[in-house]
Amino acid sequence: MTARNSRVFDLRAGSIDSLLLSPRTADPQALREALQQHFDASPEFFRDETVVIDLRRLPDTGGLDVDALADWLLEHGMRPLGVLAGAEPAPGTRLPLLHGPQPRGAEAEGAASAQAAQAAQASGAAAPAPAAGLLVDRPLRSGQRVYAPGDVVVLDAVSHG
């Protein structure tokens, strides 16, 4: 058997379905109470679900004890996978730091636009140019994701899902 035909491993693109928990407060008591109410409404719905703690929308990441939150989630049947953090570094935690795109919600876009406009007015410069787009000229398989700061144009097949 040649090395070329050997199947010791496969290395391929994949994706993992996971819930994102995006705290809006670093107050552990308020967060636990709100989560407990949510879990009480559907007791078994979140059992054995994987979850990523997304700190990108939290104003002050330093005030949240991520490990304590992860332990609490484990006690309630969820499986924390890691932490997503934005420009602010994530507080020290045993969970791995995952990298992902910045949040694209209306809040994030509105805040970014407002900050850019304020900076342009303060400096007397013209407004910044829109973000460059992305041209994808290959097929996209089910489950693949494409992120870009601007528009995305796909010139090939896109599988369902």
N, C-alpha and C. Protein backbone atom coordinates (compact mmCIF):
# COMPACT_ATOMS: atom_id res chain seq x y z
N MET A 1 0.86 -1.18 0.00
CA MET A 1 0.00 0.00 0.00
C MET A 1 0.90 1.23 0.00
N THR A 2 0.67 2.13 -0.88
CA THR A 2 1.48 3.34 -0.96
C THR A 2 0.94 4.38 0.00
N ALA A 3 1.79 5.34 0.32
CA ALA A 3 1.38 6.42 1.22
C ALA A 3 0.23 7.22 0.62
N ARG A 4 0.21 7.27 -0.70
CA ARG A 4 -0.83 8.03 -1.38
C ARG A 4 -2.21 7.39 -1.20
N ASN A 5 -2.27 6.08 -1.14
CA ASN A 5 -3.53 5.36 -0.99
C ASN A 5 -3.89 5.08 0.46
N SER A 6 -3.00 5.37 1.37
CA SER A 6 -3.23 5.08 2.78
C SER A 6 -4.33 5.97 3.34
N ARG A 7 -5.24 5.39 4.12
CA ARG A 7 -6.33 6.15 4.76
C ARG A 7 -6.16 6.10 6.27
N VAL A 8 -5.18 6.83 6.74
CA VAL A 8 -4.97 6.91 8.18
C VAL A 8 -5.89 7.96 8.79
N PHE A 9 -6.18 9.01 8.03
CA PHE A 9 -7.08 10.05 8.52
C PHE A 9 -7.69 10.78 7.33
N ASP A 10 -8.76 11.50 7.60
CA ASP A 10 -9.37 12.40 6.64
C ASP A 10 -9.31 13.79 7.23
N LEU A 11 -8.95 14.75 6.44
CA LEU A 11 -8.95 16.14 6.86
C LEU A 11 -9.88 16.88 5.91
N ARG A 12 -10.99 17.35 6.42
CA ARG A 12 -11.99 17.97 5.56
C ARG A 12 -12.72 19.07 6.32
N ALA A 13 -13.39 19.89 5.58
CA ALA A 13 -14.17 20.97 6.19
C ALA A 13 -15.36 20.37 6.91
N GLY A 14 -15.75 20.98 7.98
CA GLY A 14 -16.89 20.51 8.73
C GLY A 14 -17.50 21.65 9.52
N SER A 15 -18.60 21.36 10.13
CA SER A 15 -19.22 22.35 10.99
C SER A 15 -19.87 21.63 12.17
N ILE A 16 -19.98 22.33 13.26
CA ILE A 16 -20.59 21.79 14.46
C ILE A 16 -21.77 22.67 14.81
N ASP A 17 -22.92 22.07 14.95
CA ASP A 17 -24.08 22.83 15.39
C ASP A 17 -23.96 23.08 16.88
N SER A 18 -24.08 24.33 17.26
CA SER A 18 -23.96 24.70 18.66
C SER A 18 -24.81 25.93 18.92
N LEU A 19 -25.28 26.02 20.13
CA LEU A 19 -25.98 27.22 20.55
C LEU A 19 -24.95 28.28 20.93
N LEU A 20 -25.29 29.54 20.73
CA LEU A 20 -24.45 30.66 21.18
C LEU A 20 -25.16 31.32 22.35
N LEU A 21 -24.50 31.39 23.48
CA LEU A 21 -25.02 32.10 24.63
C LEU A 21 -24.32 33.46 24.67
N SER A 22 -25.08 34.53 24.43
CA SER A 22 -24.52 35.88 24.39
C SER A 22 -24.99 36.67 25.59
N PRO A 23 -24.22 36.66 26.68
CA PRO A 23 -24.63 37.43 27.86
C PRO A 23 -24.64 38.92 27.56
N ARG A 24 -25.62 39.63 28.11
CA ARG A 24 -25.71 41.09 27.96
C ARG A 24 -25.33 41.79 29.27
N THR A 25 -25.00 40.99 30.27
CA THR A 25 -24.57 41.53 31.55
C THR A 25 -23.48 40.64 32.13
N ALA A 26 -22.59 41.23 32.93
CA ALA A 26 -21.54 40.46 33.60
C ALA A 26 -21.97 40.09 35.01
N ASP A 27 -23.19 40.49 35.42
CA ASP A 27 -23.70 40.17 36.74
C ASP A 27 -24.07 38.69 36.78
N PRO A 28 -23.30 37.87 37.51
CA PRO A 28 -23.54 36.43 37.48
C PRO A 28 -24.91 36.03 38.05
N GLN A 29 -25.36 36.72 39.09
CA GLN A 29 -26.65 36.38 39.69
C GLN A 29 -27.80 36.66 38.72
N ALA A 30 -27.78 37.82 38.09
CA ALA A 30 -28.85 38.16 37.14
C ALA A 30 -28.83 37.20 35.96
N LEU A 31 -27.64 36.85 35.49
CA LEU A 31 -27.51 35.93 34.35
C LEU A 31 -28.04 34.55 34.71
N ARG A 32 -27.66 34.04 35.88
CA ARG A 32 -28.13 32.71 36.31
C ARG A 32 -29.64 32.68 36.50
N GLU A 33 -30.19 33.74 37.09
CA GLU A 33 -31.64 33.78 37.29
C GLU A 33 -32.39 33.77 35.96
N ALA A 34 -31.92 34.57 35.01
CA ALA A 34 -32.58 34.62 33.70
C ALA A 34 -32.45 33.29 32.97
N LEU A 35 -31.26 32.68 33.03
CA LEU A 35 -31.08 31.38 32.39
C LEU A 35 -31.94 30.31 33.06
N GLN A 36 -32.02 30.35 34.39
CA GLN A 36 -32.82 29.37 35.12
C GLN A 36 -34.29 29.47 34.71
N GLN A 37 -34.80 30.68 34.58
CA GLN A 37 -36.19 30.86 34.13
C GLN A 37 -36.37 30.26 32.74
N HIS A 38 -35.41 30.48 31.89
CA HIS A 38 -35.47 29.96 30.52
C HIS A 38 -35.46 28.42 30.54
N PHE A 39 -34.58 27.83 31.36
CA PHE A 39 -34.48 26.38 31.45
C PHE A 39 -35.73 25.79 32.10
N ASP A 40 -36.29 26.48 33.09
CA ASP A 40 -37.49 25.98 33.76
C ASP A 40 -38.69 25.93 32.81
N ALA A 41 -38.72 26.83 31.83
CA ALA A 41 -39.83 26.86 30.88
C ALA A 41 -39.84 25.62 29.98
N SER A 42 -38.68 25.06 29.71
CA SER A 42 -38.57 23.84 28.91
C SER A 42 -37.42 23.00 29.46
N PRO A 43 -37.70 22.24 30.51
CA PRO A 43 -36.64 21.59 31.30
C PRO A 43 -35.67 20.69 30.52
N GLU A 44 -36.12 19.90 29.59
CA GLU A 44 -35.23 18.97 28.90
C GLU A 44 -34.78 19.46 27.53
N PHE A 45 -35.26 20.59 27.12
CA PHE A 45 -34.99 21.08 25.76
C PHE A 45 -33.51 21.32 25.52
N PHE A 46 -32.78 21.81 26.51
CA PHE A 46 -31.38 22.17 26.33
C PHE A 46 -30.42 21.10 26.84
N ARG A 47 -30.94 20.00 27.36
CA ARG A 47 -30.08 18.95 27.91
C ARG A 47 -29.20 18.38 26.81
N ASP A 48 -27.91 18.24 27.12
CA ASP A 48 -26.88 17.71 26.22
C ASP A 48 -26.61 18.57 24.99
N GLU A 49 -27.09 19.80 24.98
CA GLU A 49 -26.79 20.72 23.87
C GLU A 49 -25.41 21.34 24.08
N THR A 50 -24.67 21.47 22.99
CA THR A 50 -23.39 22.17 23.07
C THR A 50 -23.66 23.67 23.01
N VAL A 51 -22.81 24.43 23.68
CA VAL A 51 -23.00 25.87 23.74
C VAL A 51 -21.64 26.57 23.71
N VAL A 52 -21.59 27.66 22.98
CA VAL A 52 -20.41 28.52 22.94
C VAL A 52 -20.79 29.82 23.63
N ILE A 53 -19.95 30.28 24.54
CA ILE A 53 -20.20 31.52 25.26
C ILE A 53 -19.64 32.66 24.42
N ASP A 54 -20.54 33.48 23.91
CA ASP A 54 -20.21 34.56 22.97
C ASP A 54 -20.13 35.88 23.73
N LEU A 55 -18.92 36.38 23.94
CA LEU A 55 -18.70 37.61 24.71
C LEU A 55 -18.62 38.85 23.84
N ARG A 56 -18.86 38.72 22.54
CA ARG A 56 -18.64 39.85 21.62
C ARG A 56 -19.61 40.99 21.83
N ARG A 57 -20.75 40.77 22.44
CA ARG A 57 -21.71 41.86 22.68
C ARG A 57 -21.75 42.30 24.13
N LEU A 58 -20.90 41.73 24.94
CA LEU A 58 -20.85 42.09 26.36
C LEU A 58 -19.97 43.32 26.52
N PRO A 59 -20.50 44.41 27.09
CA PRO A 59 -19.73 45.65 27.18
C PRO A 59 -18.44 45.51 28.00
N ASP A 60 -18.48 44.74 29.10
CA ASP A 60 -17.31 44.61 29.97
C ASP A 60 -17.04 43.13 30.19
N THR A 61 -16.12 42.55 29.38
CA THR A 61 -15.85 41.12 29.50
C THR A 61 -15.08 40.78 30.77
N GLY A 62 -14.38 41.74 31.36
CA GLY A 62 -13.58 41.48 32.54
C GLY A 62 -14.39 41.15 33.77
N GLY A 63 -15.66 41.55 33.80
CA GLY A 63 -16.47 41.32 34.98
C GLY A 63 -17.16 39.97 35.03
N LEU A 64 -17.07 39.18 33.98
CA LEU A 64 -17.77 37.90 33.91
C LEU A 64 -16.80 36.76 34.19
N ASP A 65 -17.15 35.90 35.15
CA ASP A 65 -16.37 34.71 35.43
C ASP A 65 -16.85 33.61 34.49
N VAL A 66 -16.14 33.45 33.38
CA VAL A 66 -16.56 32.53 32.33
C VAL A 66 -16.52 31.09 32.83
N ASP A 67 -15.51 30.73 33.61
CA ASP A 67 -15.42 29.36 34.11
C ASP A 67 -16.58 29.03 35.04
N ALA A 68 -16.99 29.97 35.89
CA ALA A 68 -18.13 29.74 36.78
C ALA A 68 -19.41 29.57 35.96
N LEU A 69 -19.56 30.37 34.91
CA LEU A 69 -20.73 30.24 34.04
C LEU A 69 -20.71 28.88 33.34
N ALA A 70 -19.54 28.46 32.86
CA ALA A 70 -19.42 27.15 32.20
C ALA A 70 -19.76 26.02 33.17
N ASP A 71 -19.28 26.13 34.41
CA ASP A 71 -19.60 25.11 35.41
C ASP A 71 -21.10 25.06 35.67
N TRP A 72 -21.73 26.22 35.75
CA TRP A 72 -23.18 26.28 35.99
C TRP A 72 -23.93 25.64 34.82
N LEU A 73 -23.49 25.92 33.60
CA LEU A 73 -24.12 25.31 32.42
C LEU A 73 -23.96 23.79 32.44
N LEU A 74 -22.77 23.31 32.83
CA LEU A 74 -22.54 21.86 32.94
C LEU A 74 -23.49 21.23 33.96
N GLU A 75 -23.66 21.90 35.08
CA GLU A 75 -24.57 21.40 36.12
C GLU A 75 -26.00 21.30 35.62
N HIS A 76 -26.34 22.11 34.63
CA HIS A 76 -27.70 22.13 34.09
C HIS A 76 -27.81 21.35 32.78
N GLY A 77 -26.81 20.50 32.50
CA GLY A 77 -26.91 19.56 31.39
C GLY A 77 -26.41 20.05 30.05
N MET A 78 -25.84 21.24 29.99
CA MET A 78 -25.31 21.73 28.72
C MET A 78 -23.80 21.44 28.66
N ARG A 79 -23.24 21.51 27.45
CA ARG A 79 -21.83 21.21 27.25
C ARG A 79 -21.10 22.39 26.62
N PRO A 80 -20.46 23.24 27.43
CA PRO A 80 -19.72 24.40 26.88
C PRO A 80 -18.52 23.95 26.05
N LEU A 81 -18.40 24.54 24.85
CA LEU A 81 -17.31 24.18 23.93
C LEU A 81 -16.16 25.18 23.96
N GLY A 82 -16.47 26.46 24.12
CA GLY A 82 -15.44 27.48 24.05
C GLY A 82 -16.02 28.86 24.19
N VAL A 83 -15.17 29.85 23.96
CA VAL A 83 -15.53 31.26 24.13
C VAL A 83 -15.23 32.02 22.85
N LEU A 84 -16.18 32.84 22.42
CA LEU A 84 -15.95 33.78 21.32
C LEU A 84 -15.75 35.15 21.95
N ALA A 85 -14.72 35.85 21.54
CA ALA A 85 -14.47 37.19 22.07
C ALA A 85 -14.17 38.12 20.92
N GLY A 86 -14.54 39.38 21.07
CA GLY A 86 -14.30 40.38 20.04
C GLY A 86 -12.94 41.01 20.17
N ALA A 87 -12.90 42.33 20.05
CA ALA A 87 -11.64 43.06 20.12
C ALA A 87 -11.03 42.98 21.51
N GLU A 88 -11.89 42.93 22.53
CA GLU A 88 -11.41 42.78 23.90
C GLU A 88 -10.99 41.34 24.11
N PRO A 89 -9.83 41.09 24.71
CA PRO A 89 -9.46 39.70 24.96
C PRO A 89 -10.40 39.07 25.98
N ALA A 90 -10.62 37.79 25.84
CA ALA A 90 -11.48 37.08 26.77
C ALA A 90 -10.77 36.98 28.11
N PRO A 91 -11.54 37.02 29.20
CA PRO A 91 -10.90 36.85 30.50
C PRO A 91 -10.30 35.45 30.59
N GLY A 92 -9.33 35.27 31.49
CA GLY A 92 -8.70 33.97 31.65
C GLY A 92 -9.74 32.89 31.90
N THR A 93 -9.71 31.85 31.13
CA THR A 93 -10.66 30.76 31.26
C THR A 93 -10.02 29.48 30.78
N ARG A 94 -10.54 28.38 31.25
CA ARG A 94 -10.02 27.08 30.81
C ARG A 94 -10.62 26.67 29.46
N LEU A 95 -11.70 27.33 29.05
CA LEU A 95 -12.32 27.03 27.76
C LEU A 95 -11.47 27.59 26.64
N PRO A 96 -11.42 26.92 25.50
CA PRO A 96 -10.62 27.44 24.38
C PRO A 96 -11.25 28.70 23.80
N LEU A 97 -10.39 29.58 23.32
CA LEU A 97 -10.83 30.79 22.64
C LEU A 97 -11.08 30.45 21.18
N LEU A 98 -12.32 30.63 20.74
CA LEU A 98 -12.70 30.35 19.36
C LEU A 98 -12.75 31.67 18.62
N HIS A 99 -12.39 31.65 17.38
CA HIS A 99 -12.44 32.86 16.58
C HIS A 99 -13.61 32.77 15.64
N GLY A 100 -14.28 33.87 15.44
CA GLY A 100 -15.41 33.90 14.54
C GLY A 100 -15.62 35.30 14.05
N PRO A 101 -16.57 35.48 13.16
CA PRO A 101 -16.83 36.82 12.65
C PRO A 101 -17.42 37.70 13.72
N GLN A 102 -17.26 38.98 13.56
CA GLN A 102 -17.88 39.92 14.48
C GLN A 102 -19.39 39.84 14.34
N PRO A 103 -20.14 40.13 15.39
CA PRO A 103 -21.60 40.05 15.28
C PRO A 103 -22.11 40.99 14.19
N ARG A 104 -23.10 40.52 13.43
CA ARG A 104 -23.61 41.30 12.30
C ARG A 104 -25.02 41.82 12.55
N GLY A 105 -25.47 41.81 13.77
CA GLY A 105 -26.82 42.28 14.07
C GLY A 105 -26.95 43.77 13.84
N ALA A 106 -28.17 44.24 13.90
CA ALA A 106 -28.45 45.66 13.67
C ALA A 106 -27.71 46.52 14.68
N GLU A 107 -27.58 46.03 15.93
CA GLU A 107 -26.86 46.80 16.96
C GLU A 107 -25.41 47.02 16.56
N ALA A 108 -24.74 45.94 16.15
CA ALA A 108 -23.32 46.03 15.82
C ALA A 108 -23.10 46.93 14.62
N GLU A 109 -23.93 46.77 13.59
CA GLU A 109 -23.77 47.59 12.40
C GLU A 109 -24.09 49.05 12.69
N GLY A 110 -25.13 49.29 13.47
CA GLY A 110 -25.51 50.66 13.81
C GLY A 110 -24.43 51.35 14.63
N ALA A 111 -23.87 50.62 15.60
CA ALA A 111 -22.83 51.19 16.45
C ALA A 111 -21.57 51.48 15.63
N ALA A 112 -21.21 50.56 14.74
CA ALA A 112 -20.02 50.76 13.92
C ALA A 112 -20.21 51.95 12.97
N SER A 113 -21.38 52.07 12.38
CA SER A 113 -21.66 53.19 11.47
C SER A 113 -21.62 54.52 12.21
N ALA A 114 -22.21 54.54 13.40
CA ALA A 114 -22.23 55.77 14.19
C ALA A 114 -20.82 56.18 14.59
N GLN A 115 -20.00 55.20 15.02
CA GLN A 115 -18.62 55.52 15.41
C GLN A 115 -17.83 56.03 14.22
N ALA A 116 -17.99 55.42 13.05
CA ALA A 116 -17.26 55.85 11.86
C ALA A 116 -17.67 57.26 11.45
N ALA A 117 -18.97 57.55 11.52
CA ALA A 117 -19.46 58.88 11.15
C ALA A 117 -18.93 59.94 12.12
N GLN A 118 -18.92 59.62 13.42
CA GLN A 118 -18.40 60.56 14.41
C GLN A 118 -16.91 60.82 14.17
N ALA A 119 -16.16 59.77 13.89
CA ALA A 119 -14.73 59.92 13.66
C ALA A 119 -14.47 60.77 12.41
N ALA A 120 -15.26 60.55 11.37
CA ALA A 120 -15.09 61.32 10.13
C ALA A 120 -15.41 62.79 10.36
N GLN A 121 -16.49 63.06 11.12
CA GLN A 121 -16.85 64.45 11.39
C GLN A 121 -15.80 65.12 12.24
N ALA A 122 -15.26 64.40 13.24
CA ALA A 122 -14.26 64.97 14.14
C ALA A 122 -12.97 65.31 13.39
N SER A 123 -12.60 64.46 12.43
CA SER A 123 -11.35 64.69 11.72
C SER A 123 -11.53 65.59 10.50
N GLY A 124 -12.79 65.85 10.12
CA GLY A 124 -13.06 66.66 8.95
C GLY A 124 -12.87 65.89 7.65
N ALA A 125 -12.68 64.59 7.75
CA ALA A 125 -12.47 63.76 6.56
C ALA A 125 -13.81 63.29 6.01
N ALA A 126 -13.75 62.79 4.80
CA ALA A 126 -14.95 62.23 4.18
C ALA A 126 -15.32 60.92 4.86
N ALA A 127 -16.55 60.51 4.71
CA ALA A 127 -17.00 59.25 5.31
C ALA A 127 -16.22 58.09 4.72
N PRO A 128 -15.98 57.03 5.52
CA PRO A 128 -15.19 55.90 5.02
C PRO A 128 -15.92 55.18 3.88
N ALA A 129 -15.13 54.59 2.99
CA ALA A 129 -15.70 53.83 1.87
C ALA A 129 -16.32 52.55 2.40
N PRO A 130 -17.34 52.04 1.72
CA PRO A 130 -17.94 50.78 2.16
C PRO A 130 -16.93 49.64 2.08
N ALA A 131 -17.17 48.60 2.89
CA ALA A 131 -16.26 47.46 2.93
C ALA A 131 -16.24 46.75 1.59
N ALA A 132 -15.07 46.22 1.24
CA ALA A 132 -14.91 45.49 -0.02
C ALA A 132 -15.72 44.20 0.03
N GLY A 133 -16.21 43.79 -1.12
CA GLY A 133 -16.99 42.56 -1.21
C GLY A 133 -16.10 41.36 -1.43
N LEU A 134 -16.74 40.19 -1.49
CA LEU A 134 -16.04 38.94 -1.70
C LEU A 134 -16.65 38.23 -2.90
N LEU A 135 -15.81 37.75 -3.80
CA LEU A 135 -16.26 37.01 -4.97
C LEU A 135 -15.90 35.54 -4.76
N VAL A 136 -16.90 34.66 -4.76
CA VAL A 136 -16.69 33.23 -4.56
C VAL A 136 -16.94 32.54 -5.89
N ASP A 137 -15.90 31.91 -6.46
CA ASP A 137 -16.04 31.28 -7.78
C ASP A 137 -15.89 29.77 -7.70
N ARG A 138 -16.29 29.19 -6.58
CA ARG A 138 -16.25 27.74 -6.40
C ARG A 138 -17.56 27.29 -5.78
N PRO A 139 -17.91 26.02 -5.91
CA PRO A 139 -19.16 25.55 -5.30
C PRO A 139 -19.11 25.63 -3.78
N LEU A 140 -20.25 25.90 -3.18
CA LEU A 140 -20.36 25.91 -1.72
C LEU A 140 -21.22 24.72 -1.32
N ARG A 141 -20.65 23.87 -0.46
CA ARG A 141 -21.37 22.68 -0.02
C ARG A 141 -22.27 23.02 1.15
N SER A 142 -23.21 22.16 1.42
CA SER A 142 -24.11 22.32 2.54
C SER A 142 -23.31 22.42 3.82
N GLY A 143 -23.62 23.40 4.63
CA GLY A 143 -22.93 23.58 5.91
C GLY A 143 -21.76 24.53 5.85
N GLN A 144 -21.23 24.82 4.67
CA GLN A 144 -20.13 25.76 4.57
C GLN A 144 -20.66 27.18 4.78
N ARG A 145 -19.83 28.02 5.36
CA ARG A 145 -20.20 29.41 5.60
C ARG A 145 -19.15 30.32 4.99
N VAL A 146 -19.60 31.44 4.51
CA VAL A 146 -18.69 32.43 3.93
C VAL A 146 -18.97 33.75 4.64
N TYR A 147 -17.93 34.38 5.15
CA TYR A 147 -18.06 35.65 5.84
C TYR A 147 -17.24 36.70 5.10
N ALA A 148 -17.77 37.89 5.02
CA ALA A 148 -17.05 38.99 4.39
C ALA A 148 -17.53 40.29 5.03
N PRO A 149 -16.68 41.31 5.07
CA PRO A 149 -17.11 42.59 5.65
C PRO A 149 -18.13 43.32 4.79
N GLY A 150 -18.25 42.97 3.53
CA GLY A 150 -19.20 43.63 2.62
C GLY A 150 -20.09 42.61 1.94
N ASP A 151 -20.41 42.87 0.67
CA ASP A 151 -21.26 41.97 -0.10
C ASP A 151 -20.53 40.68 -0.46
N VAL A 152 -21.29 39.59 -0.63
CA VAL A 152 -20.76 38.32 -1.09
C VAL A 152 -21.45 37.98 -2.41
N VAL A 153 -20.67 37.71 -3.45
CA VAL A 153 -21.21 37.31 -4.75
C VAL A 153 -20.71 35.90 -5.03
N VAL A 154 -21.65 34.96 -5.25
CA VAL A 154 -21.31 33.56 -5.51
C VAL A 154 -21.59 33.28 -6.97
N LEU A 155 -20.58 32.81 -7.71
CA LEU A 155 -20.69 32.54 -9.14
C LEU A 155 -20.85 31.06 -9.46
N ASP A 156 -20.92 30.21 -8.46
CA ASP A 156 -21.02 28.78 -8.71
C ASP A 156 -22.21 28.21 -7.91
N ALA A 157 -22.35 26.92 -7.91
CA ALA A 157 -23.49 26.26 -7.28
C ALA A 157 -23.44 26.40 -5.76
N VAL A 158 -24.60 26.51 -5.15
CA VAL A 158 -24.74 26.56 -3.69
C VAL A 158 -25.70 25.45 -3.30
N SER A 159 -25.18 24.48 -2.53
CA SER A 159 -26.02 23.35 -2.12
C SER A 159 -27.05 23.79 -1.09
N HIS A 160 -28.17 23.09 -1.07
CA HIS A 160 -29.24 23.38 -0.12
C HIS A 160 -28.74 23.16 1.30
N GLY A 161 -29.11 24.04 2.21
CA GLY A 161 -28.76 23.88 3.61
C GLY A 161 -27.60 24.73 3.98
